[in-house]
Amino acid sequence: SLPVPPSVSTSLVPWSSQASPGCLLCSVMDFHLAQVQLRWFQGQQELLGHVLAPNVAPHAGWTHQLLVLLET
């Protein structure tokens, strides 16, 4: 079988406001266990600080999910 690319989306966290730091959420869904690397960039520079990443978690059937939060 051919590998299926994961479903990836990025969104502003609803509880972010102008008065507090913003947060971006990247959701990687429906992938089979393999090495997954998610990195945040601003222009050409990788953002290493303020990245919160939980472990890969089971999603549905044989697929997994990864949620990564970036405080800006």
N, C-alpha and C. Protein backbone atom coordinates (compact mmCIF):
# COMPACT_ATOMS: atom_id res chain seq x y z
N SER A 1 0.83 -1.19 0.00
CA SER A 1 0.00 0.00 0.00
C SER A 1 0.87 1.25 0.00
N LEU A 2 0.36 2.30 -0.58
CA LEU A 2 1.09 3.56 -0.66
C LEU A 2 0.91 4.35 0.63
N PRO A 3 1.94 5.09 1.05
CA PRO A 3 1.79 5.92 2.25
C PRO A 3 0.75 7.02 2.00
N VAL A 4 -0.02 7.33 3.02
CA VAL A 4 -1.03 8.38 2.93
C VAL A 4 -0.52 9.59 3.71
N PRO A 5 -0.48 10.78 3.08
CA PRO A 5 0.00 11.96 3.80
C PRO A 5 -0.97 12.32 4.93
N PRO A 6 -0.44 12.84 6.03
CA PRO A 6 -1.31 13.23 7.14
C PRO A 6 -2.13 14.47 6.80
N SER A 7 -3.19 14.67 7.54
CA SER A 7 -3.99 15.88 7.44
C SER A 7 -3.36 16.91 8.38
N VAL A 8 -2.96 18.07 7.85
CA VAL A 8 -2.27 19.08 8.65
C VAL A 8 -3.05 20.39 8.58
N SER A 9 -3.29 21.01 9.75
CA SER A 9 -3.94 22.31 9.78
C SER A 9 -3.29 23.17 10.86
N THR A 10 -3.29 24.48 10.63
CA THR A 10 -2.76 25.43 11.60
C THR A 10 -3.82 26.48 11.86
N SER A 11 -4.03 26.82 13.15
CA SER A 11 -5.06 27.80 13.48
C SER A 11 -4.66 28.58 14.73
N LEU A 12 -5.28 29.74 14.88
CA LEU A 12 -5.11 30.55 16.07
C LEU A 12 -5.94 29.93 17.19
N VAL A 13 -5.37 29.79 18.37
CA VAL A 13 -6.10 29.22 19.50
C VAL A 13 -7.20 30.20 19.89
N PRO A 14 -8.46 29.73 20.02
CA PRO A 14 -9.59 30.63 20.28
C PRO A 14 -9.44 31.52 21.50
N TRP A 15 -8.78 31.06 22.57
CA TRP A 15 -8.69 31.87 23.77
C TRP A 15 -7.58 32.90 23.72
N SER A 16 -6.84 32.98 22.61
CA SER A 16 -5.81 34.01 22.48
C SER A 16 -6.48 35.38 22.32
N SER A 17 -5.87 36.41 22.88
CA SER A 17 -6.41 37.76 22.74
C SER A 17 -5.27 38.75 22.61
N GLN A 18 -5.60 39.98 22.31
CA GLN A 18 -4.58 41.03 22.18
C GLN A 18 -3.88 41.27 23.51
N ALA A 19 -4.58 41.05 24.63
CA ALA A 19 -4.01 41.34 25.95
C ALA A 19 -3.02 40.27 26.41
N SER A 20 -3.07 39.08 25.81
CA SER A 20 -2.16 38.00 26.21
C SER A 20 -1.42 37.48 25.00
N PRO A 21 -0.34 36.74 25.22
CA PRO A 21 0.41 36.21 24.09
C PRO A 21 -0.48 35.35 23.20
N GLY A 22 -0.26 35.44 21.91
CA GLY A 22 -1.03 34.61 20.98
C GLY A 22 -0.48 33.19 20.97
N CYS A 23 -1.30 32.26 20.54
CA CYS A 23 -0.89 30.86 20.42
C CYS A 23 -1.40 30.31 19.10
N LEU A 24 -0.53 29.60 18.41
CA LEU A 24 -0.90 28.90 17.19
C LEU A 24 -0.91 27.41 17.48
N LEU A 25 -1.89 26.71 16.93
CA LEU A 25 -2.00 25.27 17.11
C LEU A 25 -1.85 24.59 15.76
N CYS A 26 -0.94 23.63 15.69
CA CYS A 26 -0.78 22.83 14.48
C CYS A 26 -1.25 21.42 14.82
N SER A 27 -2.21 20.92 14.05
CA SER A 27 -2.76 19.58 14.23
C SER A 27 -2.30 18.71 13.08
N VAL A 28 -1.69 17.57 13.41
CA VAL A 28 -1.29 16.59 12.41
C VAL A 28 -2.11 15.34 12.71
N MET A 29 -3.01 14.99 11.81
CA MET A 29 -3.97 13.92 12.07
C MET A 29 -3.86 12.81 11.03
N ASP A 30 -4.35 11.65 11.44
CA ASP A 30 -4.54 10.51 10.54
C ASP A 30 -3.27 10.03 9.85
N PHE A 31 -2.20 9.85 10.62
CA PHE A 31 -0.98 9.29 10.03
C PHE A 31 -0.66 7.97 10.73
N HIS A 32 0.05 7.12 10.00
CA HIS A 32 0.50 5.85 10.57
C HIS A 32 1.81 6.11 11.29
N LEU A 33 2.09 5.33 12.33
CA LEU A 33 3.30 5.56 13.12
C LEU A 33 4.53 5.55 12.23
N ALA A 34 5.23 6.59 12.28
CA ALA A 34 6.49 6.78 11.56
C ALA A 34 7.15 7.97 12.23
N GLN A 35 8.36 8.26 11.84
CA GLN A 35 9.02 9.42 12.41
C GLN A 35 8.33 10.68 11.91
N VAL A 36 7.82 11.48 12.83
CA VAL A 36 7.13 12.72 12.47
C VAL A 36 7.91 13.88 13.10
N GLN A 37 8.21 14.88 12.31
CA GLN A 37 8.91 16.05 12.81
C GLN A 37 8.13 17.28 12.42
N LEU A 38 7.78 18.10 13.39
CA LEU A 38 7.06 19.33 13.14
C LEU A 38 7.92 20.48 13.64
N ARG A 39 8.21 21.44 12.77
CA ARG A 39 9.05 22.58 13.15
C ARG A 39 8.36 23.86 12.76
N TRP A 40 8.48 24.89 13.60
CA TRP A 40 7.90 26.22 13.34
C TRP A 40 8.98 27.13 12.79
N PHE A 41 8.64 27.91 11.75
CA PHE A 41 9.57 28.87 11.17
C PHE A 41 8.91 30.23 11.07
N GLN A 42 9.70 31.26 11.25
CA GLN A 42 9.28 32.64 10.98
C GLN A 42 10.28 33.16 9.96
N GLY A 43 9.83 33.27 8.72
CA GLY A 43 10.76 33.57 7.63
C GLY A 43 11.69 32.38 7.46
N GLN A 44 12.99 32.62 7.49
CA GLN A 44 13.98 31.56 7.36
C GLN A 44 14.47 31.03 8.72
N GLN A 45 14.02 31.65 9.81
CA GLN A 45 14.52 31.30 11.14
C GLN A 45 13.57 30.34 11.87
N GLU A 46 14.15 29.23 12.36
CA GLU A 46 13.35 28.27 13.11
C GLU A 46 13.09 28.80 14.52
N LEU A 47 11.85 28.68 14.97
CA LEU A 47 11.47 29.11 16.32
C LEU A 47 11.60 27.91 17.26
N LEU A 48 12.55 27.98 18.17
CA LEU A 48 12.82 26.85 19.05
C LEU A 48 12.18 27.03 20.43
N GLY A 49 12.03 28.27 20.89
CA GLY A 49 11.46 28.51 22.20
C GLY A 49 9.94 28.55 22.15
N HIS A 50 9.32 28.32 23.26
CA HIS A 50 7.87 28.45 23.41
C HIS A 50 7.07 27.45 22.57
N VAL A 51 7.64 26.28 22.29
CA VAL A 51 6.93 25.24 21.55
C VAL A 51 6.56 24.13 22.53
N LEU A 52 5.27 23.84 22.63
CA LEU A 52 4.78 22.80 23.51
C LEU A 52 4.27 21.65 22.65
N ALA A 53 4.85 20.48 22.81
CA ALA A 53 4.46 19.34 21.97
C ALA A 53 4.24 18.10 22.83
N PRO A 54 3.00 17.63 22.91
CA PRO A 54 2.76 16.38 23.60
C PRO A 54 3.22 15.20 22.75
N ASN A 55 3.17 14.01 23.29
CA ASN A 55 3.55 12.82 22.55
C ASN A 55 2.53 12.50 21.47
N VAL A 56 2.95 11.71 20.51
CA VAL A 56 2.03 11.21 19.49
C VAL A 56 1.00 10.34 20.19
N ALA A 57 -0.29 10.50 19.84
CA ALA A 57 -1.37 9.78 20.50
C ALA A 57 -2.20 9.00 19.49
N PRO A 58 -2.79 7.87 19.91
CA PRO A 58 -3.70 7.14 19.02
C PRO A 58 -4.88 8.02 18.66
N HIS A 59 -5.36 7.90 17.43
CA HIS A 59 -6.47 8.73 16.97
C HIS A 59 -7.68 7.86 16.64
N ALA A 60 -7.64 7.15 15.55
CA ALA A 60 -8.77 6.29 15.17
C ALA A 60 -8.21 5.10 14.40
N GLY A 61 -8.64 3.92 14.76
CA GLY A 61 -8.15 2.73 14.06
C GLY A 61 -6.65 2.59 14.22
N TRP A 62 -5.95 2.61 13.10
CA TRP A 62 -4.49 2.44 13.11
C TRP A 62 -3.76 3.77 12.93
N THR A 63 -4.47 4.89 13.05
CA THR A 63 -3.83 6.18 12.82
C THR A 63 -3.53 6.89 14.14
N HIS A 64 -2.75 7.96 14.04
CA HIS A 64 -2.30 8.71 15.21
C HIS A 64 -2.48 10.20 14.97
N GLN A 65 -2.28 10.98 16.04
CA GLN A 65 -2.38 12.44 15.93
C GLN A 65 -1.27 13.09 16.74
N LEU A 66 -0.93 14.33 16.40
CA LEU A 66 0.06 15.12 17.10
C LEU A 66 -0.45 16.56 17.12
N LEU A 67 -0.48 17.17 18.30
CA LEU A 67 -0.89 18.56 18.44
C LEU A 67 0.31 19.34 18.99
N VAL A 68 0.68 20.43 18.33
CA VAL A 68 1.83 21.23 18.75
C VAL A 68 1.37 22.67 18.89
N LEU A 69 1.67 23.28 20.04
CA LEU A 69 1.26 24.65 20.36
C LEU A 69 2.48 25.55 20.36
N LEU A 70 2.36 26.72 19.72
CA LEU A 70 3.44 27.71 19.69
C LEU A 70 2.93 29.00 20.33
N GLU A 71 3.58 29.45 21.41
CA GLU A 71 3.27 30.74 22.02
C GLU A 71 4.07 31.80 21.29
N THR A 72 3.38 32.88 20.86
CA THR A 72 4.08 33.93 20.13
C THR A 72 4.07 35.22 20.93
